[in-house]
Amino acid sequence: MLLMIVLSNTVFHLWDARHGPSGWHPDEGSALDRIAQFLLITVVDLRVNPLFAFLFGYGMTQLLLRQRAAGTSERSATRLLRRRGLWLVAFGFAHAALLLGGDIIGFYGVVCLLIGGLFLRRSDRTVLIAAGVAAALSVALMAPGLVAVASGDLDALGSTGGDPSTDAYASGEENALAAAGARLLTWSFITSLGPVLSFASHAAVLLGFWAARRRVLEEPHRHRALLGRTAVVGLTISLAGSLPSALAHVGALDVPGEAVSEEGALHLVLEGTGLAGGLGYVALFGLMADRLARRPRHGRAVRAVRAVGKRSLSCYVGHSLVFAPLLAAWGLGLGAAFGSAGMAAFAVGVWLSSAVVAYGLERAGRRGPAEAALRRLTYGRAADAARR
């Protein structure tokens, strides 16, 4: 998941490139750049947030179940989750102010307070109904795009030429203070409106609640059929929804610019199938975990990936600590020297570096610094020490 997130964030740092009608990926570059853009749109774009949302909801339920098993009262456990959500918002604010306007920590802090407060202790039936309603609303937002595609009137929606994603995230701003202000403005919209209007994320979080109660990812061997069906159906829908946008971006599908703008038909279909893609990836990773669990021993690569997962917050922030100062115009400005392929390769390198660091921390028996700080702030110093 973290590798997919860091790859999706690469577009924010290509601040000197000319962007296409979507305002997202550059519409120029070498053959390798075009291949990278095609793959990112097909595999990553708008699929990562639902994936993260599911795992976030899953983790919230795990935390609640652990508190119950330890004898913590329902009221105290709820208060603990509320405190954790508030601290996540604070972490996200700092992350956006200093490094990345597209921060998702604050977004999920608000989701923890909103969706967690409303549904985490509800029955399975209530959770599944709410997830179904959220998923239906997400599909409804895609409906105009499907109608436009079916009718062939692809220029009926949207407008030509979206603002480049680098503008919203201020990576092309040379003044550090102005860049921080722009990032915080973007973050405020993401953190306030996003948790309310992101119906796909709502559905994914709620399904995470349901799946965690059944230990779907801890015991994938008991849920192979469910995981297999979800992986096949989810990833098939995801691919069908993303391929038209990817083909249009690289010029293999001749469509008007309106079709790929943020309100355009193809973009609506791309966004609307993101939930299916996120759930498909979760299921695929669950099946991979099941296969790995049956091996008598795990190599260093598997142990390193596991170490990253246990330190996901530290690695996520660590990626920004490398990306922002090196690539943004207010830093060294190296983002101007990269194309899409080079930036993707750089992102993979940064992720691999974080895996090496996480593996070293795992061998030393140490938590990630961000996880340690969040734990202490959530539980308090004395309570955290008692849990060690």
Protein backbone atom coordinates (compact mmCIF):
# COMPACT_ATOMS: atom_id res chain seq x y z
CA MET A 1 0.00 0.00 0.00
CA LEU A 2 2.75 2.46 0.93
CA LEU A 3 4.55 1.79 -2.33
CA MET A 4 1.34 2.59 -4.21
CA ILE A 5 0.86 5.77 -2.16
CA VAL A 6 4.36 7.06 -2.83
CA LEU A 7 3.92 6.29 -6.54
CA SER A 8 0.60 8.14 -6.64
CA ASN A 9 2.24 11.15 -4.99
CA THR A 10 4.90 11.44 -7.70
CA VAL A 11 2.67 13.63 -9.86
CA PHE A 12 2.69 16.36 -7.20
CA HIS A 13 6.42 16.91 -7.70
CA LEU A 14 6.57 17.18 -11.50
CA TRP A 15 6.07 20.92 -11.16
CA ASP A 16 7.93 22.03 -14.31
CA ALA A 17 6.11 19.68 -16.70
CA ARG A 18 3.22 20.59 -19.00
CA HIS A 19 0.07 18.87 -17.78
CA GLY A 20 -2.80 17.47 -19.79
CA PRO A 21 -6.53 18.28 -19.57
CA SER A 22 -6.91 16.29 -16.35
CA GLY A 23 -4.33 18.46 -14.61
CA TRP A 24 -2.91 15.31 -13.06
CA HIS A 25 -0.23 13.65 -15.18
CA PRO A 26 2.07 15.48 -17.62
CA ASP A 27 1.05 15.16 -21.26
CA GLU A 28 4.64 15.05 -22.48
CA GLY A 29 7.75 12.94 -22.08
CA SER A 30 9.72 10.07 -23.55
CA ALA A 31 8.32 6.68 -24.43
CA LEU A 32 9.27 5.46 -20.95
CA ASP A 33 7.45 8.43 -19.40
CA ARG A 34 4.31 7.62 -21.36
CA ILE A 35 4.49 3.98 -20.28
CA ALA A 36 4.85 5.08 -16.65
CA GLN A 37 1.87 7.44 -16.98
CA PHE A 38 -0.22 4.68 -18.54
CA LEU A 39 0.63 2.22 -15.77
CA LEU A 40 0.05 4.73 -12.97
CA ILE A 41 -3.40 5.68 -14.30
CA THR A 42 -4.31 2.03 -14.86
CA VAL A 43 -3.03 0.55 -11.61
CA VAL A 44 -2.69 3.31 -8.99
CA ASP A 45 -4.74 6.46 -9.57
CA LEU A 46 -7.79 6.76 -7.28
CA ARG A 47 -7.33 3.16 -6.13
CA VAL A 48 -5.04 3.84 -3.18
CA ASN A 49 -7.43 5.81 -0.94
CA PRO A 50 -10.09 3.06 -0.80
CA LEU A 51 -7.32 0.53 -0.12
CA PHE A 52 -5.98 2.67 2.73
CA ALA A 53 -9.52 3.35 4.01
CA PHE A 54 -10.29 -0.36 4.28
CA LEU A 55 -7.08 -1.05 6.19
CA PHE A 56 -7.67 1.98 8.41
CA GLY A 57 -11.15 0.74 9.33
CA TYR A 58 -9.73 -2.73 9.89
CA GLY A 59 -7.11 -1.32 12.26
CA MET A 60 -9.67 0.75 14.19
CA THR A 61 -11.68 -2.41 14.86
CA GLN A 62 -8.56 -4.31 15.92
CA LEU A 63 -7.77 -1.57 18.42
CA LEU A 64 -11.30 -1.67 19.85
CA LEU A 65 -11.27 -5.48 20.10
CA ARG A 66 -7.89 -5.45 21.87
CA GLN A 67 -9.19 -2.91 24.38
CA ARG A 68 -12.26 -5.05 25.07
CA ALA A 69 -10.12 -8.16 25.49
CA ALA A 70 -7.97 -6.26 28.02
CA GLY A 71 -11.05 -5.44 30.07
CA THR A 72 -11.31 -1.78 29.07
CA SER A 73 -14.82 -0.38 29.33
CA GLU A 74 -16.71 0.54 26.16
CA ARG A 75 -16.68 4.19 27.16
CA SER A 76 -12.94 4.25 27.82
CA ALA A 77 -12.17 2.46 24.55
CA THR A 78 -14.30 4.96 22.63
CA ARG A 79 -12.56 7.84 24.34
CA LEU A 80 -9.20 6.32 23.40
CA LEU A 81 -10.22 6.11 19.73
CA ARG A 82 -11.44 9.70 19.82
CA ARG A 83 -8.14 10.86 21.25
CA ARG A 84 -6.25 8.93 18.61
CA GLY A 85 -8.34 10.52 15.85
CA LEU A 86 -7.66 14.01 17.19
CA TRP A 87 -3.92 13.38 17.34
CA LEU A 88 -3.99 12.05 13.77
CA VAL A 89 -5.53 15.35 12.68
CA ALA A 90 -2.72 17.18 14.50
CA PHE A 91 -0.09 14.96 12.83
CA GLY A 92 -1.69 15.62 9.46
CA PHE A 93 -1.68 19.38 10.01
CA ALA A 94 2.05 19.33 10.77
CA HIS A 95 2.73 17.06 7.80
CA ALA A 96 0.85 19.38 5.43
CA ALA A 97 2.35 22.58 6.87
CA LEU A 98 5.91 21.31 6.53
CA LEU A 99 5.92 18.85 3.64
CA LEU A 100 2.87 17.58 1.72
CA GLY A 101 -0.43 19.31 1.00
CA GLY A 102 -1.92 16.00 -0.14
CA ASP A 103 -1.58 14.57 3.37
CA ILE A 104 -4.06 11.79 4.22
CA ILE A 105 -3.29 11.45 7.94
CA GLY A 106 -5.60 14.30 8.89
CA PHE A 107 -8.28 12.99 6.52
CA TYR A 108 -8.37 9.65 8.31
CA GLY A 109 -8.20 11.31 11.70
CA VAL A 110 -11.52 12.97 10.86
CA VAL A 111 -12.82 9.68 9.46
CA CYS A 112 -11.92 8.04 12.78
CA LEU A 113 -13.96 10.66 14.64
CA LEU A 114 -16.88 10.69 12.20
CA ILE A 115 -17.37 7.16 10.84
CA GLY A 116 -15.82 5.48 13.88
CA GLY A 117 -18.01 7.42 16.28
CA LEU A 118 -21.17 6.61 14.34
CA PHE A 119 -20.67 2.98 13.32
CA LEU A 120 -17.74 1.21 14.99
CA ARG A 121 -19.88 -0.25 17.78
CA ARG A 122 -22.92 -0.93 15.61
CA SER A 123 -24.15 -4.37 14.56
CA ASP A 124 -22.86 -6.12 11.45
CA ARG A 125 -26.22 -5.54 9.78
CA THR A 126 -26.09 -1.79 10.38
CA VAL A 127 -22.47 -1.58 9.22
CA LEU A 128 -23.19 -3.49 6.01
CA ILE A 129 -26.29 -1.43 5.23
CA ALA A 130 -24.32 1.78 5.73
CA ALA A 131 -21.50 0.43 3.54
CA GLY A 132 -24.03 -0.45 0.84
CA VAL A 133 -25.56 3.03 0.93
CA ALA A 134 -22.11 4.66 0.72
CA ALA A 135 -21.10 2.39 -2.17
CA ALA A 136 -24.38 3.17 -3.98
CA LEU A 137 -23.76 6.91 -3.59
CA SER A 138 -20.25 6.44 -4.97
CA VAL A 139 -21.62 4.61 -8.00
CA ALA A 140 -24.32 7.27 -8.45
CA LEU A 141 -21.62 9.91 -8.81
CA MET A 142 -20.16 7.80 -11.61
CA ALA A 143 -23.52 7.48 -13.41
CA PRO A 144 -23.22 10.66 -15.53
CA GLY A 145 -19.89 9.43 -16.80
CA LEU A 146 -21.30 6.02 -17.68
CA VAL A 147 -24.22 7.63 -19.51
CA ALA A 148 -21.86 9.90 -21.45
CA VAL A 149 -19.64 6.96 -22.39
CA ALA A 150 -22.61 4.81 -23.41
CA SER A 151 -24.08 7.61 -25.55
CA GLY A 152 -20.72 8.54 -27.06
CA ASP A 153 -21.18 12.16 -25.98
CA LEU A 154 -17.88 12.37 -24.11
CA ASP A 155 -17.63 16.14 -24.25
CA ALA A 156 -20.98 16.61 -22.52
CA LEU A 157 -19.31 16.95 -19.12
CA GLY A 158 -16.34 18.79 -17.71
CA SER A 159 -14.17 21.52 -19.13
CA THR A 160 -10.89 21.48 -21.00
CA GLY A 161 -7.69 21.93 -19.08
CA GLY A 162 -7.67 21.27 -15.35
CA ASP A 163 -5.28 23.10 -13.05
CA PRO A 164 -2.06 21.12 -12.64
CA SER A 165 -1.95 19.01 -9.48
CA THR A 166 1.35 20.71 -8.65
CA ASP A 167 -0.52 24.02 -8.19
CA ALA A 168 -2.75 22.67 -5.44
CA TYR A 169 0.20 21.08 -3.65
CA ALA A 170 2.51 24.09 -4.19
CA SER A 171 5.56 22.07 -5.23
CA GLY A 172 6.33 24.69 -7.89
CA GLU A 173 6.25 27.57 -5.40
CA GLU A 174 9.73 28.96 -4.69
CA ASN A 175 8.78 30.82 -1.52
CA ALA A 176 8.71 28.32 1.36
CA LEU A 177 6.21 30.31 3.43
CA ALA A 178 3.82 30.79 0.50
CA ALA A 179 4.12 27.08 -0.31
CA ALA A 180 3.20 26.17 3.28
CA GLY A 181 0.13 28.40 3.12
CA ALA A 182 -1.00 26.86 -0.17
CA ARG A 183 -0.47 23.34 1.17
CA LEU A 184 -2.51 24.08 4.28
CA LEU A 185 -5.32 25.52 2.17
CA THR A 186 -5.43 22.33 0.10
CA TRP A 187 -5.19 20.22 3.25
CA SER A 188 -8.08 22.08 4.86
CA PHE A 189 -10.37 21.17 1.94
CA ILE A 190 -9.18 17.55 1.92
CA THR A 191 -9.66 17.20 5.68
CA SER A 192 -12.98 19.02 6.00
CA LEU A 193 -14.94 18.15 2.84
CA GLY A 194 -13.17 14.87 2.01
CA PRO A 195 -14.36 12.82 5.01
CA VAL A 196 -17.94 13.98 4.38
CA LEU A 197 -18.14 13.55 0.60
CA SER A 198 -15.78 10.63 -0.04
CA PHE A 199 -18.43 7.92 -0.17
CA ALA A 200 -16.02 5.31 -1.54
CA SER A 201 -13.80 5.80 1.52
CA HIS A 202 -16.85 5.54 3.80
CA ALA A 203 -17.80 2.22 2.23
CA ALA A 204 -14.24 0.91 2.45
CA VAL A 205 -13.85 1.89 6.14
CA LEU A 206 -17.17 0.25 7.03
CA LEU A 207 -16.26 -2.93 5.16
CA GLY A 208 -12.97 -2.85 7.08
CA PHE A 209 -14.98 -2.88 10.32
CA TRP A 210 -16.92 -5.92 9.15
CA ALA A 211 -13.88 -7.81 7.86
CA ALA A 212 -11.83 -7.21 11.03
CA ARG A 213 -14.59 -8.72 13.17
CA ARG A 214 -14.11 -11.91 11.14
CA ARG A 215 -10.31 -11.71 11.12
CA VAL A 216 -10.30 -11.92 7.33
CA LEU A 217 -6.71 -10.69 6.97
CA GLU A 218 -5.31 -12.35 10.11
CA GLU A 219 -6.77 -15.71 9.05
CA PRO A 220 -6.90 -15.58 5.25
CA HIS A 221 -6.87 -19.37 5.00
CA ARG A 222 -10.44 -19.37 6.36
CA HIS A 223 -11.61 -16.83 3.77
CA ARG A 224 -9.89 -17.87 0.54
CA ALA A 225 -13.12 -18.08 -1.46
CA LEU A 226 -14.23 -14.61 -0.39
CA LEU A 227 -10.79 -13.14 -1.04
CA GLY A 228 -10.52 -14.88 -4.41
CA ARG A 229 -13.90 -13.61 -5.65
CA THR A 230 -13.22 -10.10 -4.39
CA ALA A 231 -9.80 -9.99 -6.04
CA VAL A 232 -11.09 -11.18 -9.44
CA VAL A 233 -14.26 -9.06 -9.53
CA GLY A 234 -12.71 -5.97 -7.95
CA LEU A 235 -9.60 -5.83 -10.10
CA THR A 236 -11.57 -6.59 -13.28
CA ILE A 237 -13.93 -3.67 -12.60
CA SER A 238 -10.96 -1.48 -11.69
CA LEU A 239 -9.15 -2.27 -14.92
CA ALA A 240 -12.27 -1.71 -17.01
CA GLY A 241 -12.75 1.69 -15.37
CA SER A 242 -9.16 2.88 -15.64
CA LEU A 243 -8.12 1.68 -19.09
CA PRO A 244 -10.14 4.28 -21.06
CA SER A 245 -8.54 7.16 -19.12
CA ALA A 246 -5.08 5.65 -19.50
CA LEU A 247 -5.52 5.08 -23.25
CA ALA A 248 -6.89 8.60 -23.71
CA HIS A 249 -3.98 10.12 -21.80
CA VAL A 250 -1.32 8.52 -24.00
CA GLY A 251 -3.23 9.32 -27.20
CA ALA A 252 -4.30 5.76 -28.01
CA LEU A 253 -7.97 6.72 -27.62
CA ASP A 254 -9.16 9.82 -29.45
CA VAL A 255 -11.48 11.71 -27.10
CA PRO A 256 -12.11 15.41 -26.42
CA GLY A 257 -10.22 17.03 -23.57
CA GLU A 258 -13.47 17.43 -21.63
CA ALA A 259 -13.69 13.66 -21.24
CA VAL A 260 -10.59 13.42 -19.05
CA SER A 261 -11.02 16.63 -17.04
CA GLU A 262 -11.97 16.30 -13.37
CA GLU A 263 -15.70 16.45 -14.19
CA GLY A 264 -15.32 14.53 -17.44
CA ALA A 265 -16.95 11.25 -18.35
CA LEU A 266 -13.81 9.10 -18.30
CA HIS A 267 -12.56 10.64 -15.06
CA LEU A 268 -15.90 9.99 -13.35
CA VAL A 269 -15.70 6.33 -14.41
CA LEU A 270 -12.07 6.14 -13.26
CA GLU A 271 -12.99 7.56 -9.86
CA GLY A 272 -16.20 5.55 -9.50
CA THR A 273 -14.41 2.21 -9.98
CA GLY A 274 -11.73 3.08 -7.40
CA LEU A 275 -13.58 1.34 -4.56
CA ALA A 276 -13.65 -1.93 -6.49
CA GLY A 277 -9.94 -1.56 -7.20
CA GLY A 278 -9.05 -0.84 -3.58
CA LEU A 279 -11.01 -3.85 -2.32
CA GLY A 280 -9.50 -6.00 -5.07
CA TYR A 281 -6.01 -5.08 -3.95
CA VAL A 282 -6.84 -5.84 -0.32
CA ALA A 283 -8.08 -9.28 -1.32
CA LEU A 284 -5.04 -9.91 -3.52
CA PHE A 285 -2.68 -8.98 -0.68
CA GLY A 286 -4.66 -11.24 1.65
CA LEU A 287 -4.21 -14.18 -0.72
CA MET A 288 -0.50 -13.43 -0.99
CA ALA A 289 -0.26 -13.37 2.83
CA ASP A 290 -2.05 -16.70 3.00
CA ARG A 291 0.45 -18.25 0.62
CA LEU A 292 3.42 -16.77 2.49
CA ALA A 293 2.03 -17.97 5.83
CA ARG A 294 2.30 -21.56 4.63
CA ARG A 295 6.04 -21.25 4.10
CA PRO A 296 8.23 -22.56 6.92
CA ARG A 297 10.57 -19.58 6.74
CA HIS A 298 10.41 -16.05 5.36
CA GLY A 299 13.26 -14.32 3.58
CA ARG A 300 14.55 -10.86 4.34
CA ALA A 301 12.37 -9.25 1.68
CA VAL A 302 9.17 -10.53 3.31
CA ARG A 303 10.38 -9.55 6.78
CA ALA A 304 11.30 -6.07 5.51
CA VAL A 305 7.84 -5.53 3.98
CA ARG A 306 6.26 -6.68 7.22
CA ALA A 307 8.48 -4.24 9.12
CA VAL A 308 7.29 -1.41 6.87
CA GLY A 309 3.67 -2.34 7.58
CA LYS A 310 4.28 -2.16 11.33
CA ARG A 311 5.78 1.31 10.85
CA SER A 312 3.47 2.61 8.13
CA LEU A 313 2.98 6.08 9.64
CA SER A 314 6.74 6.63 10.05
CA CYS A 315 7.44 5.41 6.53
CA TYR A 316 4.66 7.54 5.04
CA VAL A 317 6.00 10.70 6.68
CA GLY A 318 9.58 9.60 5.93
CA HIS A 319 8.80 9.48 2.21
CA SER A 320 7.72 13.13 2.37
CA LEU A 321 10.86 14.05 4.32
CA VAL A 322 12.86 12.88 1.32
CA PHE A 323 10.58 13.99 -1.50
CA ALA A 324 9.60 17.52 -0.50
CA PRO A 325 13.00 19.15 0.26
CA LEU A 326 14.72 17.50 -2.68
CA LEU A 327 12.06 17.94 -5.36
CA ALA A 328 9.98 21.04 -4.58
CA ALA A 329 10.91 24.42 -6.03
CA TRP A 330 11.23 25.83 -2.50
CA GLY A 331 13.85 23.16 -1.79
CA LEU A 332 16.50 21.90 -4.20
CA GLY A 333 13.99 21.91 -7.06
CA LEU A 334 15.04 18.57 -8.54
CA GLY A 335 11.46 17.81 -9.56
CA ALA A 336 12.08 19.92 -12.66
CA ALA A 337 14.72 17.45 -13.82
CA PHE A 338 12.49 14.37 -13.74
CA GLY A 339 10.01 12.88 -16.15
CA SER A 340 7.26 10.50 -15.09
CA ALA A 341 9.41 7.37 -15.43
CA GLY A 342 12.38 8.85 -13.57
CA MET A 343 10.12 10.10 -10.80
CA ALA A 344 8.49 6.68 -10.46
CA ALA A 345 11.91 5.02 -10.25
CA PHE A 346 12.94 7.57 -7.62
CA ALA A 347 9.76 6.78 -5.64
CA VAL A 348 10.50 3.06 -5.72
CA GLY A 349 14.02 3.79 -4.50
CA VAL A 350 12.71 5.90 -1.61
CA TRP A 351 10.27 3.14 -0.65
CA LEU A 352 13.05 0.53 -0.75
CA SER A 353 15.18 2.75 1.46
CA SER A 354 12.33 3.01 3.97
CA ALA A 355 12.06 -0.79 3.94
CA VAL A 356 15.76 -1.09 4.83
CA VAL A 357 15.36 1.37 7.71
CA ALA A 358 12.18 -0.37 8.94
CA TYR A 359 13.92 -3.74 8.83
CA GLY A 360 16.77 -2.33 10.88
CA LEU A 361 14.32 -1.01 13.47
CA GLU A 362 12.57 -4.37 13.55
CA ARG A 363 15.80 -6.20 14.25
CA ALA A 364 16.61 -3.70 16.99
CA GLY A 365 13.16 -4.22 18.53
CA ARG A 366 12.19 -0.56 18.13
CA ARG A 367 8.94 1.00 16.96
CA GLY A 368 8.87 3.66 14.28
CA PRO A 369 9.25 7.17 15.74
CA ALA A 370 5.82 8.32 14.54
CA GLU A 371 4.12 5.19 15.91
CA ALA A 372 5.90 5.62 19.26
CA ALA A 373 4.83 9.28 19.47
CA LEU A 374 1.21 8.56 18.50
CA ARG A 375 1.02 5.70 20.98
CA ARG A 376 2.36 7.81 23.83
CA LEU A 377 0.05 10.71 23.02
CA THR A 378 -2.96 8.40 22.70
CA TYR A 379 -2.42 6.23 25.77
CA GLY A 380 -0.37 8.57 27.95
CA ARG A 381 3.15 7.95 29.18
CA ALA A 382 2.26 5.70 32.11
CA ALA A 383 -0.28 3.61 30.20
CA ASP A 384 2.10 3.16 27.28
CA ALA A 385 4.90 2.00 29.58
CA ALA A 386 2.52 -0.53 31.19
CA ARG A 387 1.76 -1.99 27.74
CA ARG A 388 5.38 -2.57 26.76
